Amino acid sequence: MDARFAPGADPAPAARRLGLSRPYVLTIATDDRRKNLEKLAPAAAALARDGIELVWAGDRRPYFAAAADSAGVRSLGYVDDADLPGLYAGAQAFVLASRYEGFGLTCLEAMACGTPVVASNRAALPETCGDAALLVDPDDGEALTRAVGIAAGDAAARGALRAAGLRRAAQFSWDRTAERVDALLTSVADAHGG
């Protein structure tokens, strides 16, 4: 994990640049049907009643099938990479309701910043997140809304998710990845007399 994703990331510059003046829950995704942004509309409505905004960072790409309307989710558009650590760190929670993901790096980045995570219980996300996120069926709007509400508003759950997320993200450092790849390549070479 990139070291700039950390709990000490300053959220103020990103909040200023992006006009974030209220508490918010963050999702980062392209405007693609598989990202399931439309399922966040009920969560956005529930959060709004508590004075929390649901914001989406990402852009539209013409080669993806556009997602359905995600009413109530405020689009931030493309967010510069330099603003991401602060954007994560300032969020009450992070949600990724994707129907399928190859890995789910955004979940780990949020965890590394100390942000509670809600993620889909599909594809690679359960393996990536382990027990450090609230995992829900991405097509169950009620379950998604409930989980986001807990991650954003329940102090005990937020504390537990934050601690578990920091531990989980620490397992995915680039150094550790390089060590594991090196060990694997060494064992393959040794097995083949190399």
C-alpha atoms as a PDB file:
ATOM      1  CA  MET A   1       0.000   0.000   0.000  1.00  0.00           C
ATOM      2  CA  ASP A   2       1.266   3.441  -0.894  1.00  0.00           C
ATOM      3  CA  ALA A   3       2.471   5.146   2.317  1.00  0.00           C
ATOM      4  CA  ARG A   4       0.579   8.362   1.559  1.00  0.00           C
ATOM      5  CA  PHE A   5      -2.648   6.502   2.351  1.00  0.00           C
ATOM      6  CA  ALA A   6      -2.543   6.837   6.129  1.00  0.00           C
ATOM      7  CA  PRO A   7      -4.805   7.977   8.971  1.00  0.00           C
ATOM      8  CA  GLY A   8      -2.815  11.198   9.267  1.00  0.00           C
ATOM      9  CA  ALA A   9      -3.701  12.354   5.735  1.00  0.00           C
ATOM     10  CA  ASP A  10      -5.012  15.920   5.937  1.00  0.00           C
ATOM     11  CA  PRO A  11      -8.598  16.095   4.625  1.00  0.00           C
ATOM     12  CA  ALA A  12      -8.804  19.916   4.599  1.00  0.00           C
ATOM     13  CA  PRO A  13      -7.166  20.700   1.215  1.00  0.00           C
ATOM     14  CA  ALA A  14      -9.276  18.151  -0.682  1.00  0.00           C
ATOM     15  CA  ALA A  15     -12.446  19.242   1.140  1.00  0.00           C
ATOM     16  CA  ARG A  16     -11.767  22.868   0.204  1.00  0.00           C
ATOM     17  CA  ARG A  17     -11.026  22.102  -3.448  1.00  0.00           C
ATOM     18  CA  LEU A  18     -14.080  19.823  -3.799  1.00  0.00           C
ATOM     19  CA  GLY A  19     -16.530  21.953  -1.825  1.00  0.00           C
ATOM     20  CA  LEU A  20     -17.095  19.395   0.932  1.00  0.00           C
ATOM     21  CA  SER A  21     -18.434  21.327   3.897  1.00  0.00           C
ATOM     22  CA  ARG A  22     -20.624  18.632   5.494  1.00  0.00           C
ATOM     23  CA  PRO A  23     -19.818  15.124   6.733  1.00  0.00           C
ATOM     24  CA  TYR A  24     -19.759  12.682   3.826  1.00  0.00           C
ATOM     25  CA  VAL A  25     -19.622   9.045   2.810  1.00  0.00           C
ATOM     26  CA  LEU A  26     -17.407   8.398  -0.198  1.00  0.00           C
ATOM     27  CA  THR A  27     -17.538   6.044  -3.144  1.00  0.00           C
ATOM     28  CA  ILE A  28     -14.929   5.978  -5.892  1.00  0.00           C
ATOM     29  CA  ALA A  29     -15.881   4.389  -9.184  1.00  0.00           C
ATOM     30  CA  THR A  30     -16.246   4.936 -12.881  1.00  0.00           C
ATOM     31  CA  ASP A  31     -19.770   5.477 -14.198  1.00  0.00           C
ATOM     32  CA  ASP A  32     -20.221   1.865 -15.187  1.00  0.00           C
ATOM     33  CA  ARG A  33     -23.172  -0.470 -14.568  1.00  0.00           C
ATOM     34  CA  ARG A  34     -20.994  -3.016 -12.785  1.00  0.00           C
ATOM     35  CA  LYS A  35     -20.106  -0.365 -10.179  1.00  0.00           C
ATOM     36  CA  ASN A  36     -23.796  -0.359  -9.185  1.00  0.00           C
ATOM     37  CA  LEU A  37     -23.983   3.345  -8.321  1.00  0.00           C
ATOM     38  CA  GLU A  38     -27.772   3.405  -8.635  1.00  0.00           C
ATOM     39  CA  LYS A  39     -28.071   1.151  -5.563  1.00  0.00           C
ATOM     40  CA  LEU A  40     -26.565   3.961  -3.490  1.00  0.00           C
ATOM     41  CA  ALA A  41     -29.595   6.264  -3.984  1.00  0.00           C
ATOM     42  CA  PRO A  42     -31.523   4.906  -0.936  1.00  0.00           C
ATOM     43  CA  ALA A  43     -28.395   5.162   1.218  1.00  0.00           C
ATOM     44  CA  ALA A  44     -27.906   8.754   0.032  1.00  0.00           C
ATOM     45  CA  ALA A  45     -31.475   9.618   1.051  1.00  0.00           C
ATOM     46  CA  ALA A  46     -31.068   8.005   4.491  1.00  0.00           C
ATOM     47  CA  LEU A  47     -27.726   9.727   5.091  1.00  0.00           C
ATOM     48  CA  ALA A  48     -29.144  13.100   4.031  1.00  0.00           C
ATOM     49  CA  ARG A  49     -31.690  12.871   6.857  1.00  0.00           C
ATOM     50  CA  ASP A  50     -28.702  12.734   9.234  1.00  0.00           C
ATOM     51  CA  GLY A  51     -26.914  15.644   7.551  1.00  0.00           C
ATOM     52  CA  ILE A  52     -24.409  13.393   5.760  1.00  0.00           C
ATOM     53  CA  GLU A  53     -23.775  13.651   2.047  1.00  0.00           C
ATOM     54  CA  LEU A  54     -22.987  10.648  -0.170  1.00  0.00           C
ATOM     55  CA  VAL A  55     -20.365  11.698  -2.714  1.00  0.00           C
ATOM     56  CA  TRP A  56     -19.029   9.927  -5.767  1.00  0.00           C
ATOM     57  CA  ALA A  57     -15.526  10.533  -7.118  1.00  0.00           C
ATOM     58  CA  GLY A  58     -15.003   9.245 -10.613  1.00  0.00           C
ATOM     59  CA  ASP A  59     -15.670   9.989 -14.200  1.00  0.00           C
ATOM     60  CA  ARG A  60     -17.741   8.856 -17.093  1.00  0.00           C
ATOM     61  CA  ARG A  61     -16.015   6.824 -19.740  1.00  0.00           C
ATOM     62  CA  PRO A  62     -17.692   6.465 -23.123  1.00  0.00           C
ATOM     63  CA  TYR A  63     -16.573   2.843 -23.545  1.00  0.00           C
ATOM     64  CA  PHE A  64     -18.480   1.732 -20.402  1.00  0.00           C
ATOM     65  CA  ALA A  65     -22.237   1.265 -20.310  1.00  0.00           C
ATOM     66  CA  ALA A  66     -23.499   4.176 -18.220  1.00  0.00           C
ATOM     67  CA  ALA A  67     -24.979   3.412 -14.841  1.00  0.00           C
ATOM     68  CA  ALA A  68     -28.620   4.070 -14.059  1.00  0.00           C
ATOM     69  CA  ASP A  69     -29.567   7.242 -12.196  1.00  0.00           C
ATOM     70  CA  SER A  70     -28.069   7.472  -8.735  1.00  0.00           C
ATOM     71  CA  ALA A  71     -30.337  10.190  -7.347  1.00  0.00           C
ATOM     72  CA  GLY A  72     -29.012  11.972  -4.288  1.00  0.00           C
ATOM     73  CA  VAL A  73     -25.406  10.921  -4.831  1.00  0.00           C
ATOM     74  CA  ARG A  74     -23.330  14.052  -5.469  1.00  0.00           C
ATOM     75  CA  SER A  75     -20.784  13.685  -8.259  1.00  0.00           C
ATOM     76  CA  LEU A  76     -17.370  15.189  -7.580  1.00  0.00           C
ATOM     77  CA  GLY A  77     -16.162  14.193 -11.036  1.00  0.00           C
ATOM     78  CA  TYR A  78     -12.571  13.226 -11.587  1.00  0.00           C
ATOM     79  CA  VAL A  79     -10.479  13.762  -8.440  1.00  0.00           C
ATOM     80  CA  ASP A  80      -6.758  14.339  -8.749  1.00  0.00           C
ATOM     81  CA  ASP A  81      -4.664  11.520  -7.338  1.00  0.00           C
ATOM     82  CA  ALA A  82      -2.979  13.942  -4.906  1.00  0.00           C
ATOM     83  CA  ASP A  83      -6.358  14.612  -3.247  1.00  0.00           C
ATOM     84  CA  LEU A  84      -7.319  10.963  -2.708  1.00  0.00           C
ATOM     85  CA  PRO A  85      -5.633  10.345   0.688  1.00  0.00           C
ATOM     86  CA  GLY A  86      -7.286  13.415   2.210  1.00  0.00           C
ATOM     87  CA  LEU A  87     -10.611  12.594   0.566  1.00  0.00           C
ATOM     88  CA  TYR A  88     -10.578   9.108   2.102  1.00  0.00           C
ATOM     89  CA  ALA A  89      -9.368  10.348   5.496  1.00  0.00           C
ATOM     90  CA  GLY A  90     -12.136  12.941   5.719  1.00  0.00           C
ATOM     91  CA  ALA A  91     -14.945  10.484   4.923  1.00  0.00           C
ATOM     92  CA  GLN A  92     -17.266   9.096   7.594  1.00  0.00           C
ATOM     93  CA  ALA A  93     -17.206   5.825   5.617  1.00  0.00           C
ATOM     94  CA  PHE A  94     -16.315   4.420   2.219  1.00  0.00           C
ATOM     95  CA  VAL A  95     -18.691   2.252   0.173  1.00  0.00           C
ATOM     96  CA  LEU A  96     -18.021   0.099  -2.891  1.00  0.00           C
ATOM     97  CA  ALA A  97     -21.256  -1.520  -4.077  1.00  0.00           C
ATOM     98  CA  SER A  98     -19.703  -3.035  -7.194  1.00  0.00           C
ATOM     99  CA  ARG A  99     -21.186  -6.223  -8.618  1.00  0.00           C
ATOM    100  CA  TYR A 100     -17.725  -7.465  -9.545  1.00  0.00           C
ATOM    101  CA  GLU A 101     -14.173  -6.288  -8.967  1.00  0.00           C
ATOM    102  CA  GLY A 102     -10.830  -7.738  -9.886  1.00  0.00           C
ATOM    103  CA  PHE A 103      -9.282  -6.678  -6.576  1.00  0.00           C
ATOM    104  CA  GLY A 104     -10.797  -3.643  -4.842  1.00  0.00           C
ATOM    105  CA  LEU A 105      -7.788  -1.417  -4.215  1.00  0.00           C
ATOM    106  CA  THR A 106     -10.025   1.510  -3.240  1.00  0.00           C
ATOM    107  CA  CYS A 107     -11.273  -0.458  -0.234  1.00  0.00           C
ATOM    108  CA  LEU A 108      -7.696  -0.973   0.988  1.00  0.00           C
ATOM    109  CA  GLU A 109      -6.819   2.676   0.387  1.00  0.00           C
ATOM    110  CA  ALA A 110      -9.807   3.725   2.496  1.00  0.00           C
ATOM    111  CA  MET A 111      -8.851   1.251   5.230  1.00  0.00           C
ATOM    112  CA  ALA A 112      -5.266   2.529   5.244  1.00  0.00           C
ATOM    113  CA  CYS A 113      -6.643   6.033   5.879  1.00  0.00           C
ATOM    114  CA  GLY A 114      -8.648   4.766   8.853  1.00  0.00           C
ATOM    115  CA  THR A 115     -12.006   4.992   7.084  1.00  0.00           C
ATOM    116  CA  PRO A 116     -14.679   2.346   7.804  1.00  0.00           C
ATOM    117  CA  VAL A 117     -15.558   0.336   4.688  1.00  0.00           C
ATOM    118  CA  VAL A 118     -18.766  -1.169   3.323  1.00  0.00           C
ATOM    119  CA  ALA A 119     -18.204  -3.420   0.311  1.00  0.00           C
ATOM    120  CA  SER A 120     -20.027  -5.839  -1.896  1.00  0.00           C
ATOM    121  CA  ASN A 121     -19.936  -9.481  -0.871  1.00  0.00           C
ATOM    122  CA  ARG A 122     -19.103 -10.519  -4.433  1.00  0.00           C
ATOM    123  CA  ALA A 123     -16.099 -11.323  -6.603  1.00  0.00           C
ATOM    124  CA  ALA A 124     -12.707 -10.432  -5.097  1.00  0.00           C
ATOM    125  CA  LEU A 125     -13.996  -7.988  -2.473  1.00  0.00           C
ATOM    126  CA  PRO A 126     -14.570 -10.495   0.361  1.00  0.00           C
ATOM    127  CA  GLU A 127     -11.025 -11.805  -0.071  1.00  0.00           C
ATOM    128  CA  THR A 128      -9.539  -8.318  -0.340  1.00  0.00           C
ATOM    129  CA  CYS A 129     -11.446  -6.893   2.638  1.00  0.00           C
ATOM    130  CA  GLY A 130     -11.408  -9.972   4.873  1.00  0.00           C
ATOM    131  CA  ASP A 131     -13.236  -9.287   8.131  1.00  0.00           C
ATOM    132  CA  ALA A 132     -12.303  -5.587   8.048  1.00  0.00           C
ATOM    133  CA  ALA A 133     -15.418  -4.373   6.190  1.00  0.00           C
ATOM    134  CA  LEU A 134     -19.160  -4.742   6.339  1.00  0.00           C
ATOM    135  CA  LEU A 135     -19.882  -7.015   3.367  1.00  0.00           C
ATOM    136  CA  VAL A 136     -23.363  -6.864   1.829  1.00  0.00           C
ATOM    137  CA  ASP A 137     -25.292  -8.038  -1.208  1.00  0.00           C
ATOM    138  CA  PRO A 138     -24.843  -5.171  -3.690  1.00  0.00           C
ATOM    139  CA  ASP A 139     -28.327  -5.697  -5.108  1.00  0.00           C
ATOM    140  CA  ASP A 140     -30.045  -5.451  -1.718  1.00  0.00           C
ATOM    141  CA  GLY A 141     -30.661  -1.716  -1.341  1.00  0.00           C
ATOM    142  CA  GLU A 142     -31.979  -2.067   2.214  1.00  0.00           C
ATOM    143  CA  ALA A 143     -28.959  -4.045   3.416  1.00  0.00           C
ATOM    144  CA  LEU A 144     -26.625  -1.605   1.687  1.00  0.00           C
ATOM    145  CA  THR A 145     -28.384   1.382   3.273  1.00  0.00           C
ATOM    146  CA  ARG A 146     -28.286  -0.248   6.714  1.00  0.00           C
ATOM    147  CA  ALA A 147     -24.578  -1.110   6.440  1.00  0.00           C
ATOM    148  CA  VAL A 148     -23.624   2.381   5.246  1.00  0.00           C
ATOM    149  CA  GLY A 149     -25.629   3.888   8.118  1.00  0.00           C
ATOM    150  CA  ILE A 150     -23.796   1.708  10.632  1.00  0.00           C
ATOM    151  CA  ALA A 151     -20.348   2.422   9.168  1.00  0.00           C
ATOM    152  CA  ALA A 152     -21.031   6.167   9.077  1.00  0.00           C
ATOM    153  CA  GLY A 153     -22.951   6.640  12.308  1.00  0.00           C
ATOM    154  CA  ASP A 154     -22.433   3.901  14.895  1.00  0.00           C
ATOM    155  CA  ALA A 155     -19.418   4.929  16.994  1.00  0.00           C
ATOM    156  CA  ALA A 156     -18.614   1.416  18.239  1.00  0.00           C
ATOM    157  CA  ALA A 157     -18.876  -0.115  14.761  1.00  0.00           C
ATOM    158  CA  ARG A 158     -16.821   2.732  13.279  1.00  0.00           C
ATOM    159  CA  GLY A 159     -14.057   2.154  15.830  1.00  0.00           C
ATOM    160  CA  ALA A 160     -13.993  -1.602  15.231  1.00  0.00           C
ATOM    161  CA  LEU A 161     -14.002  -1.198  11.439  1.00  0.00           C
ATOM    162  CA  ARG A 162     -11.292   1.440  11.610  1.00  0.00           C
ATOM    163  CA  ALA A 163      -8.980  -0.771  13.704  1.00  0.00           C
ATOM    164  CA  ALA A 164      -9.649  -3.875  11.589  1.00  0.00           C
ATOM    165  CA  GLY A 165      -9.148  -1.882   8.387  1.00  0.00           C
ATOM    166  CA  LEU A 166      -5.802  -0.495   9.474  1.00  0.00           C
ATOM    167  CA  ARG A 167      -4.611  -4.025  10.304  1.00  0.00           C
ATOM    168  CA  ARG A 168      -5.909  -5.391   6.995  1.00  0.00           C
ATOM    169  CA  ALA A 169      -4.384  -2.640   4.860  1.00  0.00           C
ATOM    170  CA  ALA A 170      -1.006  -3.145   6.551  1.00  0.00           C
ATOM    171  CA  GLN A 171      -0.942  -6.676   5.105  1.00  0.00           C
ATOM    172  CA  PHE A 172      -0.834  -5.256   1.572  1.00  0.00           C
ATOM    173  CA  SER A 173       2.368  -3.203   1.487  1.00  0.00           C
ATOM    174  CA  TRP A 174       4.399  -3.062  -1.721  1.00  0.00           C
ATOM    175  CA  ASP A 175       7.436  -4.351   0.199  1.00  0.00           C
ATOM    176  CA  ARG A 176       5.505  -7.382   1.415  1.00  0.00           C
ATOM    177  CA  THR A 177       4.210  -8.027  -2.104  1.00  0.00           C
ATOM    178  CA  ALA A 178       7.740  -7.849  -3.530  1.00  0.00           C
ATOM    179  CA  GLU A 179       9.016 -10.259  -0.842  1.00  0.00           C
ATOM    180  CA  ARG A 180       6.242 -12.762  -1.612  1.00  0.00           C
ATOM    181  CA  VAL A 181       6.809 -12.563  -5.375  1.00  0.00           C
ATOM    182  CA  ASP A 182      10.554 -13.016  -4.838  1.00  0.00           C
ATOM    183  CA  ALA A 183       9.953 -16.048  -2.612  1.00  0.00           C
ATOM    184  CA  LEU A 184       7.594 -17.572  -5.172  1.00  0.00           C
ATOM    185  CA  LEU A 185      10.006 -17.052  -8.056  1.00  0.00           C
ATOM    186  CA  THR A 186      12.886 -18.452  -5.999  1.00  0.00           C
ATOM    187  CA  SER A 187      10.882 -21.580  -5.132  1.00  0.00           C
ATOM    188  CA  VAL A 188       9.906 -22.103  -8.789  1.00  0.00           C
ATOM    189  CA  ALA A 189      13.529 -21.662  -9.912  1.00  0.00           C
ATOM    190  CA  ASP A 190      14.752 -24.045  -7.184  1.00  0.00           C
ATOM    191  CA  ALA A 191      12.158 -26.640  -8.183  1.00  0.00           C
ATOM    192  CA  HIS A 192      13.395 -26.538 -11.757  1.00  0.00           C
ATOM    193  CA  GLY A 193      17.076 -26.734 -10.881  1.00  0.00           C
ATOM    194  CA  GLY A 194      17.673 -23.084 -11.546  1.00  0.00           C
END
